[in-house]
Amino acid sequence: PNPNSSMTTRELQEYWRNEKGCWKPVKLLFEIASARIEER
């Protein structure tokens, strides 16, 4: 929300409750699942 917003405390609480429920930041996890030896 804009810091200068005229939202009431209750409205802000409701806003953040909704955001927490629906907004998911895109983060990636990396795993090295397995390894194999390749011979050429």
Full PDB file with SEQRES, HELIX, SHEET, SSBOND, CRYST1, ORIGX, SCALE, CONECT and MASTER records, all heavy atoms in Angstrom:
SEQRES   1 A   40  PRO ASN PRO ASN SER SER MET THR THR ARG GLU LEU GLN          
SEQRES   2 A   40  GLU TYR TRP ARG ASN GLU LYS GLY CYS TRP LYS PRO VAL          
SEQRES   3 A   40  LYS LEU LEU PHE GLU ILE ALA SER ALA ARG ILE GLU GLU          
SEQRES   4 A   40  ARG                                                          
HELIX    1 AA1 THR A    9  CYS A   22  1                                  14    
CRYST1    1.000    1.000    1.000  90.00  90.00  90.00 P 1           1          
ORIGX1      1.000000  0.000000  0.000000        0.00000                         
ORIGX2      0.000000  1.000000  0.000000        0.00000                         
ORIGX3      0.000000  0.000000  1.000000        0.00000                         
SCALE1      1.000000  0.000000  0.000000        0.00000                         
SCALE2      0.000000  1.000000  0.000000        0.00000                         
SCALE3      0.000000  0.000000  1.000000        0.00000                         
ATOM      1  N   PRO A   1       0.817  -1.201   0.000  1.00  0.00           N  
ATOM      2  CA  PRO A   1       0.000   0.000   0.000  1.00  0.00           C  
ATOM      3  C   PRO A   1       0.854   1.256   0.000  1.00  0.00           C  
ATOM      4  O   PRO A   1       1.972   1.276   0.513  1.00  0.00           O  
ATOM      5  CB  PRO A   1      -0.787  -0.117   1.312  1.00  0.00           C  
ATOM      6  CG  PRO A   1      -0.645  -1.531   1.755  1.00  0.00           C  
ATOM      7  CD  PRO A   1       0.638  -2.010   1.188  1.00  0.00           C  
ATOM      8  N   ASN A   2       0.328   2.308  -0.581  1.00  0.00           N  
ATOM      9  CA  ASN A   2       0.990   3.599  -0.569  1.00  0.00           C  
ATOM     10  C   ASN A   2       1.058   4.121   0.862  1.00  0.00           C  
ATOM     11  O   ASN A   2       0.060   4.098   1.589  1.00  0.00           O  
ATOM     12  CB  ASN A   2       0.185   4.568  -1.457  1.00  0.00           C  
ATOM     13  CG  ASN A   2       0.922   5.867  -1.689  1.00  0.00           C  
ATOM     14  OD1 ASN A   2       1.518   6.419  -0.765  1.00  0.00           O  
ATOM     15  ND2 ASN A   2       0.875   6.350  -2.923  1.00  0.00           N  
ATOM     16  N   PRO A   3       2.257   4.602   1.313  1.00  0.00           N  
ATOM     17  CA  PRO A   3       2.360   5.126   2.669  1.00  0.00           C  
ATOM     18  C   PRO A   3       1.389   6.267   2.943  1.00  0.00           C  
ATOM     19  O   PRO A   3       1.008   6.512   4.082  1.00  0.00           O  
ATOM     20  CB  PRO A   3       3.816   5.608   2.736  1.00  0.00           C  
ATOM     21  CG  PRO A   3       4.521   4.838   1.676  1.00  0.00           C  
ATOM     22  CD  PRO A   3       3.521   4.630   0.592  1.00  0.00           C  
ATOM     23  N   ASN A   4       1.008   6.977   1.872  1.00  0.00           N  
ATOM     24  CA  ASN A   4       0.088   8.102   2.042  1.00  0.00           C  
ATOM     25  C   ASN A   4      -1.370   7.683   1.877  1.00  0.00           C  
ATOM     26  O   ASN A   4      -2.257   8.517   1.737  1.00  0.00           O  
ATOM     27  CB  ASN A   4       0.426   9.205   1.017  1.00  0.00           C  
ATOM     28  CG  ASN A   4       1.832   9.738   1.217  1.00  0.00           C  
ATOM     29  OD1 ASN A   4       2.265   9.920   2.360  1.00  0.00           O  
ATOM     30  ND2 ASN A   4       2.532   9.986   0.124  1.00  0.00           N  
ATOM     31  N   SER A   5      -1.631   6.385   1.870  1.00  0.00           N  
ATOM     32  CA  SER A   5      -2.983   5.892   1.675  1.00  0.00           C  
ATOM     33  C   SER A   5      -3.879   6.314   2.839  1.00  0.00           C  
ATOM     34  O   SER A   5      -3.448   6.434   3.979  1.00  0.00           O  
ATOM     35  CB  SER A   5      -2.962   4.368   1.550  1.00  0.00           C  
ATOM     36  OG  SER A   5      -4.267   3.862   1.583  1.00  0.00           O  
ATOM     37  N   SER A   6      -5.158   6.502   2.530  1.00  0.00           N  
ATOM     38  CA  SER A   6      -6.126   6.895   3.553  1.00  0.00           C  
ATOM     39  C   SER A   6      -6.844   5.690   4.153  1.00  0.00           C  
ATOM     40  O   SER A   6      -7.870   5.823   4.798  1.00  0.00           O  
ATOM     41  CB  SER A   6      -7.154   7.862   2.946  1.00  0.00           C  
ATOM     42  OG  SER A   6      -7.837   7.230   1.869  1.00  0.00           O  
ATOM     43  N   MET A   7      -6.299   4.492   3.926  1.00  0.00           N  
ATOM     44  CA  MET A   7      -6.914   3.283   4.450  1.00  0.00           C  
ATOM     45  C   MET A   7      -6.898   3.292   5.977  1.00  0.00           C  
ATOM     46  O   MET A   7      -5.934   3.730   6.602  1.00  0.00           O  
ATOM     47  CB  MET A   7      -6.165   2.041   3.936  1.00  0.00           C  
ATOM     48  CG  MET A   7      -6.253   1.831   2.438  1.00  0.00           C  
ATOM     49  SD  MET A   7      -5.186   0.491   1.851  1.00  0.00           S  
ATOM     50  CE  MET A   7      -6.053  -0.922   2.519  1.00  0.00           C  
ATOM     51  N   THR A   8      -7.970   2.817   6.587  1.00  0.00           N  
ATOM     52  CA  THR A   8      -8.031   2.720   8.041  1.00  0.00           C  
ATOM     53  C   THR A   8      -7.204   1.530   8.508  1.00  0.00           C  
ATOM     54  O   THR A   8      -6.779   0.685   7.702  1.00  0.00           O  
ATOM     55  CB  THR A   8      -9.483   2.531   8.508  1.00  0.00           C  
ATOM     56  OG1 THR A   8      -9.948   1.263   8.025  1.00  0.00           O  
ATOM     57  CG2 THR A   8     -10.379   3.638   7.981  1.00  0.00           C  
ATOM     58  N   THR A   9      -6.983   1.465   9.825  1.00  0.00           N  
ATOM     59  CA  THR A   9      -6.212   0.350  10.369  1.00  0.00           C  
ATOM     60  C   THR A   9      -6.862  -0.977  10.048  1.00  0.00           C  
ATOM     61  O   THR A   9      -6.200  -1.946   9.664  1.00  0.00           O  
ATOM     62  CB  THR A   9      -6.072   0.499  11.889  1.00  0.00           C  
ATOM     63  OG1 THR A   9      -5.434   1.746  12.177  1.00  0.00           O  
ATOM     64  CG2 THR A   9      -5.261  -0.648  12.480  1.00  0.00           C  
ATOM     65  N   ARG A  10      -8.174  -1.020  10.172  1.00  0.00           N  
ATOM     66  CA  ARG A  10      -8.894  -2.254   9.878  1.00  0.00           C  
ATOM     67  C   ARG A  10      -8.767  -2.646   8.408  1.00  0.00           C  
ATOM     68  O   ARG A  10      -8.583  -3.825   8.075  1.00  0.00           O  
ATOM     69  CB  ARG A  10     -10.359  -2.076  10.249  1.00  0.00           C  
ATOM     70  CG  ARG A  10     -11.196  -3.345  10.066  1.00  0.00           C  
ATOM     71  CD  ARG A  10     -12.621  -3.132  10.568  1.00  0.00           C  
ATOM     72  NE  ARG A  10     -13.419  -4.338  10.383  1.00  0.00           N  
ATOM     73  CZ  ARG A  10     -14.680  -4.442  10.762  1.00  0.00           C  
ATOM     74  NH1 ARG A  10     -15.290  -3.408  11.356  1.00  0.00           N  
ATOM     75  NH2 ARG A  10     -15.348  -5.558  10.556  1.00  0.00           N  
ATOM     76  N   GLU A  11      -8.826  -1.632   7.532  1.00  0.00           N  
ATOM     77  CA  GLU A  11      -8.707  -1.906   6.104  1.00  0.00           C  
ATOM     78  C   GLU A  11      -7.304  -2.399   5.761  1.00  0.00           C  
ATOM     79  O   GLU A  11      -7.118  -3.282   4.912  1.00  0.00           O  
ATOM     80  CB  GLU A  11      -9.042  -0.650   5.293  1.00  0.00           C  
ATOM     81  CG  GLU A  11     -10.524  -0.290   5.319  1.00  0.00           C  
ATOM     82  CD  GLU A  11     -10.802   1.061   4.677  1.00  0.00           C  
ATOM     83  OE1 GLU A  11      -9.885   1.915   4.682  1.00  0.00           O  
ATOM     84  OE2 GLU A  11     -11.925   1.255   4.185  1.00  0.00           O  
ATOM     85  N   LEU A  12      -6.314  -1.785   6.436  1.00  0.00           N  
ATOM     86  CA  LEU A  12      -4.936  -2.231   6.208  1.00  0.00           C  
ATOM     87  C   LEU A  12      -4.746  -3.669   6.661  1.00  0.00           C  
ATOM     88  O   LEU A  12      -4.079  -4.467   5.988  1.00  0.00           O  
ATOM     89  CB  LEU A  12      -3.953  -1.315   6.950  1.00  0.00           C  
ATOM     90  CG  LEU A  12      -3.622   0.014   6.267  1.00  0.00           C  
ATOM     91  CD1 LEU A  12      -2.849   0.914   7.207  1.00  0.00           C  
ATOM     92  CD2 LEU A  12      -2.819  -0.242   4.994  1.00  0.00           C  
ATOM     93  N   GLN A  13      -5.298  -4.004   7.819  1.00  0.00           N  
ATOM     94  CA  GLN A  13      -5.191  -5.370   8.319  1.00  0.00           C  
ATOM     95  C   GLN A  13      -5.838  -6.360   7.360  1.00  0.00           C  
ATOM     96  O   GLN A  13      -5.303  -7.438   7.091  1.00  0.00           O  
ATOM     97  CB  GLN A  13      -5.837  -5.470   9.707  1.00  0.00           C  
ATOM     98  CG  GLN A  13      -5.054  -4.767  10.810  1.00  0.00           C  
ATOM     99  CD  GLN A  13      -5.794  -4.768  12.133  1.00  0.00           C  
ATOM    100  OE1 GLN A  13      -7.015  -4.956  12.184  1.00  0.00           O  
ATOM    101  NE2 GLN A  13      -5.052  -4.568  13.216  1.00  0.00           N  
ATOM    102  N   GLU A  14      -6.988  -5.977   6.841  1.00  0.00           N  
ATOM    103  CA  GLU A  14      -7.682  -6.842   5.880  1.00  0.00           C  
ATOM    104  C   GLU A  14      -6.869  -6.980   4.593  1.00  0.00           C  
ATOM    105  O   GLU A  14      -6.790  -8.058   4.001  1.00  0.00           O  
ATOM    106  CB  GLU A  14      -9.066  -6.258   5.569  1.00  0.00           C  
ATOM    107  CG  GLU A  14      -9.918  -7.093   4.615  1.00  0.00           C  
ATOM    108  CD  GLU A  14     -10.289  -8.448   5.201  1.00  0.00           C  
ATOM    109  OE1 GLU A  14     -10.305  -8.568   6.461  1.00  0.00           O  
ATOM    110  OE2 GLU A  14     -10.550  -9.366   4.416  1.00  0.00           O  
ATOM    111  N   TYR A  15      -6.256  -5.859   4.177  1.00  0.00           N  
ATOM    112  CA  TYR A  15      -5.430  -5.868   2.964  1.00  0.00           C  
ATOM    113  C   TYR A  15      -4.283  -6.860   3.107  1.00  0.00           C  
ATOM    114  O   TYR A  15      -4.046  -7.700   2.242  1.00  0.00           O  
ATOM    115  CB  TYR A  15      -4.888  -4.464   2.691  1.00  0.00           C  
ATOM    116  CG  TYR A  15      -3.867  -4.414   1.569  1.00  0.00           C  
ATOM    117  CD1 TYR A  15      -4.272  -4.301   0.244  1.00  0.00           C  
ATOM    118  CD2 TYR A  15      -2.500  -4.501   1.846  1.00  0.00           C  
ATOM    119  CE1 TYR A  15      -3.344  -4.270  -0.777  1.00  0.00           C  
ATOM    120  CE2 TYR A  15      -1.568  -4.477   0.837  1.00  0.00           C  
ATOM    121  CZ  TYR A  15      -1.991  -4.358  -0.478  1.00  0.00           C  
ATOM    122  OH  TYR A  15      -1.072  -4.343  -1.486  1.00  0.00           O  
ATOM    123  N   TRP A  16      -3.549  -6.760   4.230  1.00  0.00           N  
ATOM    124  CA  TRP A  16      -2.397  -7.633   4.424  1.00  0.00           C  
ATOM    125  C   TRP A  16      -2.813  -9.080   4.632  1.00  0.00           C  
ATOM    126  O   TRP A  16      -2.089 -10.003   4.254  1.00  0.00           O  
ATOM    127  CB  TRP A  16      -1.560  -7.145   5.607  1.00  0.00           C  
ATOM    128  CG  TRP A  16      -0.781  -5.905   5.286  1.00  0.00           C  
ATOM    129  CD1 TRP A  16      -0.898  -4.677   5.851  1.00  0.00           C  
ATOM    130  CD2 TRP A  16       0.229  -5.776   4.281  1.00  0.00           C  
ATOM    131  NE1 TRP A  16      -0.032  -3.783   5.268  1.00  0.00           N  
ATOM    132  CE2 TRP A  16       0.678  -4.429   4.307  1.00  0.00           C  
ATOM    133  CE3 TRP A  16       0.803  -6.660   3.366  1.00  0.00           C  
ATOM    134  CZ2 TRP A  16       1.660  -3.959   3.463  1.00  0.00           C  
ATOM    135  CZ3 TRP A  16       1.797  -6.189   2.517  1.00  0.00           C  
ATOM    136  CH2 TRP A  16       2.211  -4.848   2.570  1.00  0.00           C  
ATOM    137  N   ARG A  17      -3.993  -9.298   5.209  1.00  0.00           N  
ATOM    138  CA  ARG A  17      -4.493 -10.661   5.373  1.00  0.00           C  
ATOM    139  C   ARG A  17      -4.752 -11.298   3.996  1.00  0.00           C  
ATOM    140  O   ARG A  17      -4.407 -12.451   3.748  1.00  0.00           O  
ATOM    141  CB  ARG A  17      -5.772 -10.644   6.204  1.00  0.00           C  
ATOM    142  CG  ARG A  17      -6.254 -12.045   6.618  1.00  0.00           C  
ATOM    143  CD  ARG A  17      -7.512 -11.968   7.475  1.00  0.00           C  
ATOM    144  NE  ARG A  17      -7.286 -11.229   8.717  1.00  0.00           N  
ATOM    145  CZ  ARG A  17      -7.829 -10.051   9.009  1.00  0.00           C  
ATOM    146  NH1 ARG A  17      -8.633  -9.468   8.127  1.00  0.00           N  
ATOM    147  NH2 ARG A  17      -7.582  -9.452  10.153  1.00  0.00           N  
ATOM    148  N   ASN A  18      -5.331 -10.501   3.114  1.00  0.00           N  
ATOM    149  CA  ASN A  18      -5.584 -10.995   1.761  1.00  0.00           C  
ATOM    150  C   ASN A  18      -4.285 -11.224   0.998  1.00  0.00           C  
ATOM    151  O   ASN A  18      -4.137 -12.200   0.261  1.00  0.00           O  
ATOM    152  CB  ASN A  18      -6.471 -10.009   0.983  1.00  0.00           C  
ATOM    153  CG  ASN A  18      -7.882  -9.959   1.538  1.00  0.00           C  
ATOM    154  OD1 ASN A  18      -8.357 -10.919   2.134  1.00  0.00           O  
ATOM    155  ND2 ASN A  18      -8.557  -8.832   1.344  1.00  0.00           N  
ATOM    156  N   GLU A  19      -3.329 -10.294   1.160  1.00  0.00           N  
ATOM    157  CA  GLU A  19      -2.042 -10.435   0.487  1.00  0.00           C  
ATOM    158  C   GLU A  19      -1.321 -11.686   0.935  1.00  0.00           C  
ATOM    159  O   GLU A  19      -0.748 -12.421   0.136  1.00  0.00           O  
ATOM    160  CB  GLU A  19      -1.162  -9.201   0.772  1.00  0.00           C  
ATOM    161  CG  GLU A  19      -1.555  -7.971  -0.010  1.00  0.00           C  
ATOM    162  CD  GLU A  19      -1.308  -8.163  -1.503  1.00  0.00           C  
ATOM    163  OE1 GLU A  19      -0.129  -8.285  -1.899  1.00  0.00           O  
ATOM    164  OE2 GLU A  19      -2.287  -8.202  -2.262  1.00  0.00           O  
ATOM    165  N   LYS A  20      -1.350 -11.928   2.234  1.00  0.00           N  
ATOM    166  CA  LYS A  20      -0.672 -13.095   2.777  1.00  0.00           C  
ATOM    167  C   LYS A  20      -1.289 -14.377   2.250  1.00  0.00           C  
ATOM    168  O   LYS A  20      -0.608 -15.385   2.034  1.00  0.00           O  
ATOM    169  CB  LYS A  20      -0.745 -13.074   4.308  1.00  0.00           C  
ATOM    170  CG  LYS A  20       0.066 -14.173   4.982  1.00  0.00           C  
ATOM    171  CD  LYS A  20       0.009 -14.043   6.486  1.00  0.00           C  
ATOM    172  CE  LYS A  20       0.839 -15.136   7.165  1.00  0.00           C  
ATOM    173  NZ  LYS A  20       0.794 -15.017   8.637  1.00  0.00           N  
ATOM    174  N   GLY A  21      -2.584 -14.327   1.991  1.00  0.00           N  
ATOM    175  CA  GLY A  21      -3.276 -15.523   1.528  1.00  0.00           C  
ATOM    176  C   GLY A  21      -3.100 -15.809   0.052  1.00  0.00           C  
ATOM    177  O   GLY A  21      -3.192 -16.950  -0.376  1.00  0.00           O  
ATOM    178  N   CYS A  22      -2.850 -14.773  -0.759  1.00  0.00           N  
ATOM    179  CA  CYS A  22      -2.839 -15.003  -2.205  1.00  0.00           C  
ATOM    180  C   CYS A  22      -1.505 -14.704  -2.867  1.00  0.00           C  
ATOM    181  O   CYS A  22      -1.215 -15.240  -3.928  1.00  0.00           O  
ATOM    182  CB  CYS A  22      -3.931 -14.166  -2.880  1.00  0.00           C  
ATOM    183  SG  CYS A  22      -3.653 -12.380  -2.772  1.00  0.00           S  
ATOM    184  N   TRP A  23      -0.678 -13.853  -2.267  1.00  0.00           N  
ATOM    185  CA  TRP A  23       0.561 -13.459  -2.951  1.00  0.00           C  
ATOM    186  C   TRP A  23       1.690 -14.392  -2.576  1.00  0.00           C  
ATOM    187  O   TRP A  23       1.977 -14.613  -1.398  1.00  0.00           O  
ATOM    188  CB  TRP A  23       0.925 -12.022  -2.586  1.00  0.00           C  
ATOM    189  CG  TRP A  23       2.209 -11.586  -3.240  1.00  0.00           C  
ATOM    190  CD1 TRP A  23       2.418 -11.321  -4.557  1.00  0.00           C  
ATOM    191  CD2 TRP A  23       3.466 -11.364  -2.586  1.00  0.00           C  
ATOM    192  NE1 TRP A  23       3.713 -10.941  -4.772  1.00  0.00           N  
ATOM    193  CE2 TRP A  23       4.385 -10.965  -3.585  1.00  0.00           C  
ATOM    194  CE3 TRP A  23       3.907 -11.473  -1.269  1.00  0.00           C  
ATOM    195  CZ2 TRP A  23       5.712 -10.667  -3.301  1.00  0.00           C  
ATOM    196  CZ3 TRP A  23       5.225 -11.176  -0.985  1.00  0.00           C  
ATOM    197  CH2 TRP A  23       6.114 -10.781  -2.000  1.00  0.00           C  
ATOM    198  N   LYS A  24       2.318 -14.980  -3.555  1.00  0.00           N  
ATOM    199  CA  LYS A  24       3.430 -15.887  -3.334  1.00  0.00           C  
ATOM    200  C   LYS A  24       4.634 -15.396  -4.130  1.00  0.00           C  
ATOM    201  O   LYS A  24       4.592 -15.366  -5.356  1.00  0.00           O  
ATOM    202  CB  LYS A  24       3.067 -17.301  -3.787  1.00  0.00           C  
ATOM    203  CG  LYS A  24       1.876 -17.903  -3.050  1.00  0.00           C  
ATOM    204  CD  LYS A  24       2.203 -18.233  -1.608  1.00  0.00           C  
ATOM    205  CE  LYS A  24       1.042 -18.940  -0.927  1.00  0.00           C  
ATOM    206  NZ  LYS A  24       1.320 -19.232   0.481  1.00  0.00           N  
ATOM    207  N   PRO A  25       5.685 -14.982  -3.463  1.00  0.00           N  
ATOM    208  CA  PRO A  25       6.868 -14.534  -4.202  1.00  0.00           C  
ATOM    209  C   PRO A  25       7.512 -15.692  -4.951  1.00  0.00           C  
ATOM    210  O   PRO A  25       7.492 -16.829  -4.481  1.00  0.00           O  
ATOM    211  CB  PRO A  25       7.796 -14.011  -3.094  1.00  0.00           C  
ATOM    212  CG  PRO A  25       7.375 -14.749  -1.870  1.00  0.00           C  
ATOM    213  CD  PRO A  25       5.884 -14.935  -2.007  1.00  0.00           C  
ATOM    214  N   VAL A  26       8.047 -15.404  -6.136  1.00  0.00           N  
ATOM    215  CA  VAL A  26       8.688 -16.439  -6.928  1.00  0.00           C  
ATOM    216  C   VAL A  26      10.118 -16.610  -6.439  1.00  0.00           C  
ATOM    217  O   VAL A  26      10.954 -15.724  -6.597  1.00  0.00           O  
ATOM    218  CB  VAL A  26       8.683 -16.082  -8.430  1.00  0.00           C  
ATOM    219  CG1 VAL A  26       9.463 -17.115  -9.224  1.00  0.00           C  
ATOM    220  CG2 VAL A  26       7.254 -15.983  -8.941  1.00  0.00           C  
ATOM    221  N   LYS A  27      10.389 -17.722  -5.820  1.00  0.00           N  
ATOM    222  CA  LYS A  27      11.726 -18.059  -5.376  1.00  0.00           C  
ATOM    223  C   LYS A  27      12.043 -19.453  -5.895  1.00  0.00           C  
ATOM    224  O   LYS A  27      11.168 -20.312  -5.992  1.00  0.00           O  
ATOM    225  CB  LYS A  27      11.820 -18.052  -3.844  1.00  0.00           C  
ATOM    226  CG  LYS A  27      11.517 -16.703  -3.215  1.00  0.00           C  
ATOM    227  CD  LYS A  27      12.603 -15.679  -3.496  1.00  0.00           C  
ATOM    228  CE  LYS A  27      12.310 -14.364  -2.777  1.00  0.00           C  
ATOM    229  NZ  LYS A  27      13.320 -13.331  -3.079  1.00  0.00           N  
ATOM    230  N   LEU A  28      13.291 -19.684  -6.195  1.00  0.00           N  
ATOM    231  CA  LEU A  28      13.695 -20.975  -6.719  1.00  0.00           C  
ATOM    232  C   LEU A  28      14.633 -21.691  -5.762  1.00  0.00           C  
ATOM    233  O   LEU A  28      15.495 -21.064  -5.146  1.00  0.00           O  
ATOM    234  CB  LEU A  28      14.375 -20.809  -8.085  1.00  0.00           C  
ATOM    235  CG  LEU A  28      13.537 -20.165  -9.197  1.00  0.00           C  
ATOM    236  CD1 LEU A  28      14.337 -20.097 -10.487  1.00  0.00           C  
ATOM    237  CD2 LEU A  28      12.241 -20.919  -9.413  1.00  0.00           C  
ATOM    238  N   LEU A  29      14.435 -22.984  -5.640  1.00  0.00           N  
ATOM    239  CA  LEU A  29      15.315 -23.838  -4.855  1.00  0.00           C  
ATOM    240  C   LEU A  29      16.090 -24.744  -5.798  1.00  0.00           C  
ATOM    241  O   LEU A  29      15.549 -25.230  -6.799  1.00  0.00           O  
ATOM    242  CB  LEU A  29      14.504 -24.704  -3.880  1.00  0.00           C  
ATOM    243  CG  LEU A  29      13.819 -23.992  -2.714  1.00  0.00           C  
ATOM    244  CD1 LEU A  29      13.054 -25.010  -1.886  1.00  0.00           C  
ATOM    245  CD2 LEU A  29      14.830 -23.251  -1.851  1.00  0.00           C  
ATOM    246  N   PHE A  30      17.348 -24.970  -5.481  1.00  0.00           N  
ATOM    247  CA  PHE A  30      18.202 -25.809  -6.311  1.00  0.00           C  
ATOM    248  C   PHE A  30      18.619 -27.052  -5.536  1.00  0.00           C  
ATOM    249  O   PHE A  30      19.072 -26.960  -4.393  1.00  0.00           O  
ATOM    250  CB  PHE A  30      19.443 -25.032  -6.758  1.00  0.00           C  
ATOM    251  CG  PHE A  30      19.130 -23.835  -7.601  1.00  0.00           C  
ATOM    252  CD1 PHE A  30      18.852 -22.611  -7.014  1.00  0.00           C  
ATOM    253  CD2 PHE A  30      19.102 -23.929  -8.980  1.00  0.00           C  
ATOM    254  CE1 PHE A  30      18.549 -21.503  -7.788  1.00  0.00           C  
ATOM    255  CE2 PHE A  30      18.803 -22.826  -9.764  1.00  0.00           C  
ATOM    256  CZ  PHE A  30      18.518 -21.612  -9.161  1.00  0.00           C  
ATOM    257  N   GLU A  31      18.453 -28.189  -6.158  1.00  0.00           N  
ATOM    258  CA  GLU A  31      18.876 -29.456  -5.572  1.00  0.00           C  
ATOM    259  C   GLU A  31      19.751 -30.196  -6.582  1.00  0.00           C  
ATOM    260  O   GLU A  31      19.491 -30.149  -7.786  1.00  0.00           O  
ATOM    261  CB  GLU A  31      17.663 -30.323  -5.220  1.00  0.00           C  
ATOM    262  CG  GLU A  31      16.764 -29.762  -4.131  1.00  0.00           C  
ATOM    263  CD  GLU A  31      17.356 -29.920  -2.742  1.00  0.00           C  
ATOM    264  OE1 GLU A  31      18.325 -30.704  -2.599  1.00  0.00           O  
ATOM    265  OE2 GLU A  31      16.859 -29.271  -1.810  1.00  0.00           O  
ATOM    266  N   ILE A  32      20.775 -30.855  -6.091  1.00  0.00           N  
ATOM    267  CA  ILE A  32      21.546 -31.767  -6.938  1.00  0.00           C  
ATOM    268  C   ILE A  32      21.032 -33.157  -6.594  1.00  0.00           C  
ATOM    269  O   ILE A  32      21.446 -33.771  -5.614  1.00  0.00           O  
ATOM    270  CB  ILE A  32      23.062 -31.660  -6.683  1.00  0.00           C  
ATOM    271  CG1 ILE A  32      23.513 -30.192  -6.789  1.00  0.00           C  
ATOM    272  CG2 ILE A  32      23.819 -32.529  -7.687  1.00  0.00           C  
ATOM    273  CD1 ILE A  32      23.285 -29.558  -8.130  1.00  0.00           C  
ATOM    274  N   ALA A  33      20.090 -33.623  -7.391  1.00  0.00           N  
ATOM    275  CA  ALA A  33      19.350 -34.834  -7.042  1.00  0.00           C  
ATOM    276  C   ALA A  33      20.178 -36.096  -7.168  1.00  0.00           C  
ATOM    277  O   ALA A  33      20.026 -37.030  -6.379  1.00  0.00           O  
ATOM    278  CB  ALA A  33      18.104 -34.936  -7.923  1.00  0.00           C  
ATOM    279  N   SER A  34      21.063 -36.135  -8.147  1.00  0.00           N  
ATOM    280  CA  SER A  34      21.861 -37.340  -8.361  1.00  0.00           C  
ATOM    281  C   SER A  34      23.094 -36.998  -9.171  1.00  0.00           C  
ATOM    282  O   SER A  34      23.248 -35.864  -9.660  1.00  0.00           O  
ATOM    283  CB  SER A  34      21.038 -38.411  -9.075  1.00  0.00           C  
ATOM    284  OG  SER A  34      20.654 -37.955 -10.367  1.00  0.00           O  
ATOM    285  N   ALA A  35      23.956 -37.966  -9.311  1.00  0.00           N  
ATOM    286  CA  ALA A  35      25.173 -37.799 -10.117  1.00  0.00           C  
ATOM    287  C   ALA A  35      25.514 -39.153 -10.734  1.00  0.00           C  
ATOM    288  O   ALA A  35      25.287 -40.196 -10.129  1.00  0.00           O  
ATOM    289  CB  ALA A  35      26.319 -37.290  -9.267  1.00  0.00           C  
ATOM    290  N   ARG A  36      26.041 -39.120 -11.924  1.00  0.00           N  
ATOM    291  CA  ARG A  36      26.432 -40.362 -12.594  1.00  0.00           C  
ATOM    292  C   ARG A  36      27.750 -40.156 -13.323  1.00  0.00           C  
ATOM    293  O   ARG A  36      28.066 -39.053 -13.779  1.00  0.00           O  
ATOM    294  CB  ARG A  36      25.350 -40.797 -13.592  1.00  0.00           C  
ATOM    295  CG  ARG A  36      25.061 -39.789 -14.691  1.00  0.00           C  
ATOM    296  CD  ARG A  36      23.937 -40.258 -15.614  1.00  0.00           C  
ATOM    297  NE  ARG A  36      23.598 -39.237 -16.603  1.00  0.00           N  
ATOM    298  CZ  ARG A  36      24.245 -39.076 -17.758  1.00  0.00           C  
ATOM    299  NH1 ARG A  36      25.256 -39.883 -18.059  1.00  0.00           N  
ATOM    300  NH2 ARG A  36      23.885 -38.112 -18.612  1.00  0.00           N  
ATOM    301  N   ILE A  37      28.513 -41.211 -13.399  1.00  0.00           N  
ATOM    302  CA  ILE A  37      29.798 -41.166 -14.101  1.00  0.00           C  
ATOM    303  C   ILE A  37      29.565 -41.559 -15.554  1.00  0.00           C  
ATOM    304  O   ILE A  37      28.960 -42.594 -15.838  1.00  0.00           O  
ATOM    305  CB  ILE A  37      30.816 -42.125 -13.446  1.00  0.00           C  
ATOM    306  CG1 ILE A  37      31.078 -41.706 -11.993  1.00  0.00           C  
ATOM    307  CG2 ILE A  37      32.119 -42.135 -14.236  1.00  0.00           C  
ATOM    308  CD1 ILE A  37      31.946 -42.681 -11.229  1.00  0.00           C  
ATOM    309  N   GLU A  38      30.017 -40.714 -16.452  1.00  0.00           N  
ATOM    310  CA  GLU A  38      29.846 -40.977 -17.882  1.00  0.00           C  
ATOM    311  C   GLU A  38      31.217 -41.160 -18.523  1.00  0.00           C  
ATOM    312  O   GLU A  38      32.127 -40.345 -18.320  1.00  0.00           O  
ATOM    313  CB  GLU A  38      29.094 -39.828 -18.547  1.00  0.00           C  
ATOM    314  CG  GLU A  38      28.776 -40.084 -20.015  1.00  0.00           C  
ATOM    315  CD  GLU A  38      27.747 -39.129 -20.578  1.00  0.00           C  
ATOM    316  OE1 GLU A  38      26.782 -38.806 -19.861  1.00  0.00           O  
ATOM    317  OE2 GLU A  38      27.913 -38.702 -21.738  1.00  0.00           O  
ATOM    318  N   GLU A  39      31.358 -42.211 -19.272  1.00  0.00           N  
ATOM    319  CA  GLU A  39      32.626 -42.502 -19.957  1.00  0.00           C  
ATOM    320  C   GLU A  39      32.429 -42.435 -21.461  1.00  0.00           C  
ATOM    321  O   GLU A  39      31.487 -43.013 -22.000  1.00  0.00           O  
ATOM    322  CB  GLU A  39      33.131 -43.894 -19.559  1.00  0.00           C  
ATOM    323  CG  GLU A  39      33.550 -44.007 -18.098  1.00  0.00           C  
ATOM    324  CD  GLU A  39      34.296 -45.297 -17.802  1.00  0.00           C  
ATOM    325  OE1 GLU A  39      35.322 -45.540 -18.479  1.00  0.00           O  
ATOM    326  OE2 GLU A  39      33.846 -46.043 -16.922  1.00  0.00           O  
ATOM    327  N   ARG A  40      33.328 -41.711 -22.088  1.00  0.00           N  
ATOM    328  CA  ARG A  40      33.342 -41.623 -23.552  1.00  0.00           C  
ATOM    329  C   ARG A  40      34.687 -42.118 -24.054  1.00  0.00           C  
ATOM    330  O   ARG A  40      35.562 -42.470 -23.275  1.00  0.00           O  
ATOM    331  CB  ARG A  40      33.042 -40.189 -23.995  1.00  0.00           C  
ATOM    332  CG  ARG A  40      31.638 -39.732 -23.582  1.00  0.00           C  
ATOM    333  CD  ARG A  40      31.344 -38.321 -24.028  1.00  0.00           C  
ATOM    334  NE  ARG A  40      30.013 -37.908 -23.576  1.00  0.00           N  
ATOM    335  CZ  ARG A  40      29.519 -36.680 -23.743  1.00  0.00           C  
ATOM    336  NH1 ARG A  40      30.257 -35.741 -24.355  1.00  0.00           N  
ATOM    337  NH2 ARG A  40      28.304 -36.391 -23.299  1.00  0.00           N  
TER     338      ARG A  40                                                      
MASTER        0    0    0    1    0    0    0    6  337    1    0    4          
END                                                                             
